[in-house]
């Protein structure tokens, strides 16, 4: 089930990622990774998130704890999709920059809650936290260089 949920979230977010004329017309910082790096990073992150979800689920014995896990993953999924929608569909990197803060905080909450259930689950989510932190800095550079929207 965790794998299917990760696949759905990745598919929705990926479907909103349009690297067409608008995106290619943006000014990017010189340190932006090549576009080919993003699907590799996100595939790795979603696989690790599914692993973390399974490990945390197994390490959480109570119904309330499991409901919290599901709720945090659902919130994170909505925020993850929301960022793609704001940045790529609405073409508003400035709004996406505002939204990335709760997205990053939702990942931090997942790292903490999942890590309490199973230390490996918390560590499996650490690359996601780091990547979205990096993506936030990149988002800020893009929003600054291309304003106003």
Protein backbone atom coordinates (compact mmCIF):
# COMPACT_ATOMS: atom_id res chain seq x y z
CA UNK A 1 0.00 0.00 0.00
CA UNK A 2 2.83 2.44 0.83
CA UNK A 3 4.43 1.76 -2.54
CA UNK A 4 1.16 2.40 -4.35
CA UNK A 5 0.62 5.66 -2.46
CA UNK A 6 4.16 6.82 -3.29
CA UNK A 7 3.60 5.89 -6.93
CA UNK A 8 0.34 7.90 -7.07
CA UNK A 9 1.88 11.00 -5.45
CA UNK A 10 4.94 10.79 -7.70
CA UNK A 11 2.71 10.37 -10.75
CA UNK A 12 0.51 13.34 -9.94
CA UNK A 13 3.46 15.60 -9.13
CA UNK A 14 5.39 14.38 -12.14
CA UNK A 15 2.39 14.93 -14.37
CA UNK A 16 2.35 18.59 -13.32
CA UNK A 17 6.05 19.01 -14.07
CA UNK A 18 6.11 20.73 -17.45
CA UNK A 19 9.62 21.46 -18.67
CA UNK A 20 8.31 23.35 -21.67
CA UNK A 21 8.95 26.84 -22.96
CA UNK A 22 8.02 28.67 -19.75
CA UNK A 23 10.38 26.58 -17.62
CA UNK A 24 13.20 26.70 -20.13
CA UNK A 25 12.82 30.47 -20.33
CA UNK A 26 13.54 30.92 -16.62
CA UNK A 27 16.86 32.23 -15.37
CA UNK A 28 18.55 29.55 -13.22
CA UNK A 29 21.56 29.79 -10.93
CA UNK A 30 24.75 28.23 -12.27
CA UNK A 31 24.67 25.63 -9.48
CA UNK A 32 21.29 24.16 -10.49
CA UNK A 33 21.65 20.41 -11.08
CA UNK A 34 20.93 19.14 -14.60
CA UNK A 35 17.26 18.39 -15.25
CA UNK A 36 18.08 14.67 -15.55
CA UNK A 37 19.09 14.61 -11.85
CA UNK A 38 15.59 15.49 -10.63
CA UNK A 39 13.74 12.28 -11.63
CA UNK A 40 16.58 10.21 -10.16
CA UNK A 41 16.46 12.11 -6.89
CA UNK A 42 12.66 11.99 -6.66
CA UNK A 43 12.47 8.28 -7.50
CA UNK A 44 14.98 7.55 -4.75
CA UNK A 45 13.09 9.76 -2.31
CA UNK A 46 9.73 8.13 -3.03
CA UNK A 47 11.16 4.62 -2.69
CA UNK A 48 12.77 5.55 0.63
CA UNK A 49 9.53 7.20 1.81
CA UNK A 50 7.59 4.01 1.06
CA UNK A 51 10.19 1.97 2.98
CA UNK A 52 9.98 4.44 5.87
CA UNK A 53 6.19 4.21 5.91
CA UNK A 54 6.29 0.41 6.14
CA UNK A 55 8.96 0.41 8.85
CA UNK A 56 7.15 3.06 10.87
CA UNK A 57 3.80 1.30 10.48
CA UNK A 58 5.29 -1.94 11.75
CA UNK A 59 6.95 -0.10 14.64
CA UNK A 60 3.74 1.66 15.71
CA UNK A 61 1.56 -0.65 17.80
CA UNK A 62 -1.42 1.65 18.48
CA UNK A 63 -4.30 2.68 16.24
CA UNK A 64 -3.80 6.31 17.25
CA UNK A 65 -0.12 6.21 16.34
CA UNK A 66 -0.91 4.64 13.00
CA UNK A 67 -3.60 7.25 12.33
CA UNK A 68 -1.00 9.95 13.02
CA UNK A 69 1.38 8.30 10.52
CA UNK A 70 -1.27 8.15 7.82
CA UNK A 71 -2.29 11.74 8.51
CA UNK A 72 1.28 13.02 8.31
CA UNK A 73 1.97 11.15 5.08
CA UNK A 74 -1.32 12.42 3.61
CA UNK A 75 -0.51 16.01 4.59
CA UNK A 76 2.97 15.69 3.16
CA UNK A 77 1.62 14.23 -0.07
CA UNK A 78 -0.83 17.11 -0.48
CA UNK A 79 1.93 19.66 0.15
CA UNK A 80 4.29 17.88 -2.23
CA UNK A 81 1.69 17.90 -5.01
CA UNK A 82 0.75 21.48 -4.10
CA UNK A 83 4.30 22.68 -4.65
CA UNK A 84 4.36 21.20 -8.16
CA UNK A 85 0.97 22.73 -8.90
CA UNK A 86 2.09 26.19 -7.77
CA UNK A 87 5.48 26.12 -9.48
CA UNK A 88 4.74 24.33 -12.75
CA UNK A 89 0.99 24.60 -13.38
CA UNK A 90 0.34 28.11 -12.05
CA UNK A 91 3.90 29.18 -12.98
CA UNK A 92 4.33 30.89 -9.61
CA UNK A 93 7.73 30.10 -8.13
CA UNK A 94 7.11 32.90 -5.62
CA UNK A 95 4.02 31.17 -4.24
CA UNK A 96 5.81 27.81 -4.34
CA UNK A 97 8.55 29.34 -2.21
CA UNK A 98 6.01 30.21 0.48
CA UNK A 99 4.48 26.72 0.27
CA UNK A 100 7.83 24.93 0.54
CA UNK A 101 8.09 25.98 4.22
CA UNK A 102 5.14 23.85 5.41
CA UNK A 103 6.26 21.10 3.01
CA UNK A 104 9.71 21.01 4.65
CA UNK A 105 8.16 21.13 8.14
CA UNK A 106 5.89 18.20 7.24
CA UNK A 107 8.97 16.19 6.24
CA UNK A 108 10.66 17.10 9.52
CA UNK A 109 7.56 15.90 11.38
CA UNK A 110 7.69 12.64 9.43
CA UNK A 111 11.39 12.18 10.22
CA UNK A 112 10.66 12.64 13.94
CA UNK A 113 7.49 10.54 14.16
CA UNK A 114 8.73 7.76 11.90
CA UNK A 115 12.13 7.80 13.62
CA UNK A 116 10.47 7.26 16.99
CA UNK A 117 8.67 4.21 15.60
CA UNK A 118 11.78 2.82 13.91
CA UNK A 119 15.12 4.60 13.74
CA UNK A 120 15.69 3.29 10.19
CA UNK A 121 12.45 4.92 9.05
CA UNK A 122 13.62 8.32 10.25
CA UNK A 123 16.96 7.92 8.48
CA UNK A 124 15.22 6.75 5.30
CA UNK A 125 13.42 10.11 5.20
CA UNK A 126 16.55 12.20 5.81
CA UNK A 127 17.42 12.49 2.08
CA UNK A 128 13.92 13.86 1.44
CA UNK A 129 14.43 16.53 4.11
CA UNK A 130 17.82 17.50 2.69
CA UNK A 131 16.60 17.50 -0.93
CA UNK A 132 13.60 19.71 -0.20
CA UNK A 133 15.85 22.05 1.79
CA UNK A 134 18.11 22.30 -1.25
CA UNK A 135 15.08 22.68 -3.53
CA UNK A 136 13.83 25.55 -1.35
CA UNK A 137 17.11 27.41 -1.81
CA UNK A 138 16.95 26.74 -5.55
CA UNK A 139 13.30 27.86 -5.60
CA UNK A 140 14.31 31.11 -3.86
CA UNK A 141 17.07 31.75 -6.40
CA UNK A 142 14.67 31.14 -9.30
CA UNK A 143 11.93 33.31 -7.79
CA UNK A 144 14.40 36.13 -7.16
CA UNK A 145 16.01 35.99 -10.59
CA UNK A 146 12.71 35.85 -12.48
CA UNK A 147 10.43 38.17 -10.49
CA UNK A 148 7.83 39.54 -10.84
CA UNK A 149 5.34 36.82 -11.71
